[in-house]
């Protein structure tokens, strides 16, 4: 079960970073409202926090 949680966390990290980066790039080229920017950055940071908290990463 630990491998599954770690694998899911490793999948969530790049997805979250893509969401945050896409919101920054999108705000440069498109007119986004403040709530749209905040929501997308908040979702990305929430996914990163969730992946890092429940990922069971152990340093060697």
N, C-alpha and C. Protein backbone atom coordinates (compact mmCIF):
# COMPACT_ATOMS: atom_id res chain seq x y z
N UNK A 1 0.82 -1.18 0.00
CA UNK A 1 0.00 0.00 0.00
C UNK A 1 0.87 1.25 0.00
N UNK A 2 2.04 1.20 0.59
CA UNK A 2 2.91 2.37 0.62
C UNK A 2 3.40 2.73 -0.78
N UNK A 3 3.64 1.72 -1.63
CA UNK A 3 4.08 2.01 -2.98
C UNK A 3 3.00 2.73 -3.77
N UNK A 4 1.75 2.36 -3.53
CA UNK A 4 0.65 3.00 -4.23
C UNK A 4 0.54 4.47 -3.82
N UNK A 5 0.66 4.77 -2.54
CA UNK A 5 0.56 6.14 -2.07
C UNK A 5 1.72 6.97 -2.61
N UNK A 6 2.90 6.39 -2.62
CA UNK A 6 4.06 7.13 -3.13
C UNK A 6 3.93 7.35 -4.63
N UNK A 7 3.40 6.36 -5.33
CA UNK A 7 3.24 6.50 -6.78
C UNK A 7 2.21 7.58 -7.11
N UNK A 8 1.12 7.60 -6.38
CA UNK A 8 0.11 8.63 -6.60
C UNK A 8 0.66 10.02 -6.29
N UNK A 9 1.48 10.11 -5.25
CA UNK A 9 2.08 11.40 -4.91
C UNK A 9 3.05 11.86 -6.00
N UNK A 10 3.80 10.93 -6.56
CA UNK A 10 4.72 11.28 -7.63
C UNK A 10 3.99 11.70 -8.91
N UNK A 11 2.78 11.26 -9.07
CA UNK A 11 1.97 11.70 -10.21
C UNK A 11 1.35 13.07 -9.93
N UNK A 12 0.96 13.32 -8.69
CA UNK A 12 0.33 14.59 -8.34
C UNK A 12 1.28 15.78 -8.42
N UNK A 13 2.56 15.58 -8.13
CA UNK A 13 3.51 16.69 -8.10
C UNK A 13 3.64 17.37 -9.46
N UNK A 14 3.90 16.64 -10.57
CA UNK A 14 3.99 17.35 -11.85
C UNK A 14 2.66 17.94 -12.31
N UNK A 15 1.55 17.30 -11.96
CA UNK A 15 0.24 17.85 -12.32
C UNK A 15 0.03 19.19 -11.62
N UNK A 16 0.36 19.25 -10.34
CA UNK A 16 0.20 20.49 -9.58
C UNK A 16 1.12 21.58 -10.11
N UNK A 17 2.35 21.23 -10.43
CA UNK A 17 3.27 22.24 -10.97
C UNK A 17 2.79 22.73 -12.33
N UNK A 18 2.20 21.87 -13.14
CA UNK A 18 1.66 22.28 -14.42
C UNK A 18 0.49 23.23 -14.24
N UNK A 19 -0.37 22.98 -13.27
CA UNK A 19 -1.52 23.85 -13.02
C UNK A 19 -1.05 25.25 -12.61
N UNK A 20 -0.08 25.32 -11.72
CA UNK A 20 0.43 26.62 -11.28
C UNK A 20 1.11 27.35 -12.43
N UNK A 21 1.93 26.65 -13.19
CA UNK A 21 2.63 27.27 -14.32
C UNK A 21 1.64 27.72 -15.40
N UNK A 22 0.64 26.91 -15.67
CA UNK A 22 -0.36 27.27 -16.68
C UNK A 22 -1.15 28.50 -16.27
N UNK A 23 -1.41 28.64 -14.98
CA UNK A 23 -2.15 29.82 -14.54
C UNK A 23 -1.30 31.08 -14.68
N UNK A 24 0.00 30.98 -14.41
CA UNK A 24 0.87 32.13 -14.59
C UNK A 24 1.00 32.50 -16.06
N UNK A 25 1.19 31.51 -16.90
CA UNK A 25 1.32 31.77 -18.33
C UNK A 25 -0.01 32.29 -18.90
N UNK A 26 -1.09 31.69 -18.47
CA UNK A 26 -2.40 32.13 -18.93
C UNK A 26 -2.73 33.55 -18.55
N UNK A 27 -2.29 33.96 -17.36
CA UNK A 27 -2.56 35.34 -16.93
C UNK A 27 -1.72 36.35 -17.71
N UNK A 28 -0.63 35.92 -18.32
CA UNK A 28 0.17 36.82 -19.15
C UNK A 28 -0.49 37.09 -20.50
N UNK A 29 -1.16 36.09 -21.06
CA UNK A 29 -1.72 36.20 -22.40
C UNK A 29 -3.23 36.40 -22.42
N UNK A 30 -3.92 36.03 -21.37
CA UNK A 30 -5.37 36.16 -21.29
C UNK A 30 -5.75 37.06 -20.13
N UNK A 31 -6.92 37.64 -20.23
CA UNK A 31 -7.42 38.44 -19.12
C UNK A 31 -8.21 37.51 -18.21
N UNK A 32 -7.63 37.22 -17.07
CA UNK A 32 -8.27 36.34 -16.10
C UNK A 32 -8.70 37.16 -14.89
N UNK A 33 -9.82 36.80 -14.31
CA UNK A 33 -10.25 37.49 -13.10
C UNK A 33 -9.38 37.05 -11.93
N UNK A 34 -9.45 37.82 -10.87
CA UNK A 34 -8.65 37.50 -9.69
C UNK A 34 -9.05 36.16 -9.09
N UNK A 35 -10.34 35.87 -9.12
CA UNK A 35 -10.79 34.61 -8.53
C UNK A 35 -10.31 33.41 -9.35
N UNK A 36 -10.21 33.58 -10.66
CA UNK A 36 -9.72 32.48 -11.50
C UNK A 36 -8.24 32.23 -11.25
N UNK A 37 -7.47 33.31 -11.16
CA UNK A 37 -6.04 33.15 -10.86
C UNK A 37 -5.83 32.54 -9.48
N UNK A 38 -6.53 33.05 -8.51
CA UNK A 38 -6.38 32.55 -7.15
C UNK A 38 -6.82 31.11 -7.00
N UNK A 39 -7.90 30.76 -7.69
CA UNK A 39 -8.41 29.39 -7.62
C UNK A 39 -7.44 28.41 -8.24
N UNK A 40 -6.89 28.76 -9.40
CA UNK A 40 -5.97 27.83 -10.06
C UNK A 40 -4.66 27.70 -9.29
N UNK A 41 -4.14 28.79 -8.77
CA UNK A 41 -2.91 28.70 -7.97
C UNK A 41 -3.19 27.95 -6.66
N UNK A 42 -4.34 28.19 -6.08
CA UNK A 42 -4.70 27.50 -4.84
C UNK A 42 -4.86 26.00 -5.02
N UNK A 43 -5.45 25.60 -6.13
CA UNK A 43 -5.59 24.17 -6.41
C UNK A 43 -4.22 23.55 -6.60
N UNK A 44 -3.34 24.23 -7.34
CA UNK A 44 -1.99 23.70 -7.55
C UNK A 44 -1.21 23.57 -6.27
N UNK A 45 -1.26 24.58 -5.43
CA UNK A 45 -0.54 24.52 -4.15
C UNK A 45 -1.15 23.46 -3.24
N UNK A 46 -2.47 23.34 -3.26
CA UNK A 46 -3.13 22.31 -2.47
C UNK A 46 -2.73 20.91 -2.89
N UNK A 47 -2.64 20.69 -4.20
CA UNK A 47 -2.20 19.38 -4.69
C UNK A 47 -0.75 19.10 -4.30
N UNK A 48 0.11 20.13 -4.40
CA UNK A 48 1.50 19.95 -3.99
C UNK A 48 1.60 19.61 -2.50
N UNK A 49 0.86 20.33 -1.69
CA UNK A 49 0.89 20.08 -0.25
C UNK A 49 0.37 18.69 0.08
N UNK A 50 -0.71 18.29 -0.59
CA UNK A 50 -1.26 16.96 -0.37
C UNK A 50 -0.27 15.87 -0.77
N UNK A 51 0.37 16.05 -1.92
CA UNK A 51 1.33 15.04 -2.38
C UNK A 51 2.52 14.94 -1.45
N UNK A 52 3.01 16.07 -0.97
CA UNK A 52 4.17 16.04 -0.09
C UNK A 52 3.83 15.54 1.31
N UNK A 53 2.62 15.79 1.77
CA UNK A 53 2.23 15.36 3.11
C UNK A 53 1.94 13.86 3.16
N UNK A 54 1.20 13.35 2.19
CA UNK A 54 0.80 11.95 2.22
C UNK A 54 1.65 11.06 1.33
N UNK A 55 2.77 11.56 0.84
CA UNK A 55 3.59 10.79 -0.08
C UNK A 55 4.50 9.78 0.55
N UNK A 56 4.72 9.84 1.86
CA UNK A 56 5.61 8.92 2.56
C UNK A 56 7.01 8.91 1.94
N UNK A 57 7.57 10.09 1.72
CA UNK A 57 8.93 10.17 1.18
C UNK A 57 9.90 10.05 2.33
N UNK A 58 10.78 9.07 2.24
CA UNK A 58 11.80 8.89 3.28
C UNK A 58 13.15 9.16 2.65
N UNK A 59 13.93 9.99 3.32
CA UNK A 59 15.27 10.29 2.79
C UNK A 59 16.23 9.17 3.19
N UNK A 60 17.20 8.97 2.35
CA UNK A 60 18.16 7.89 2.60
C UNK A 60 19.22 8.32 3.59
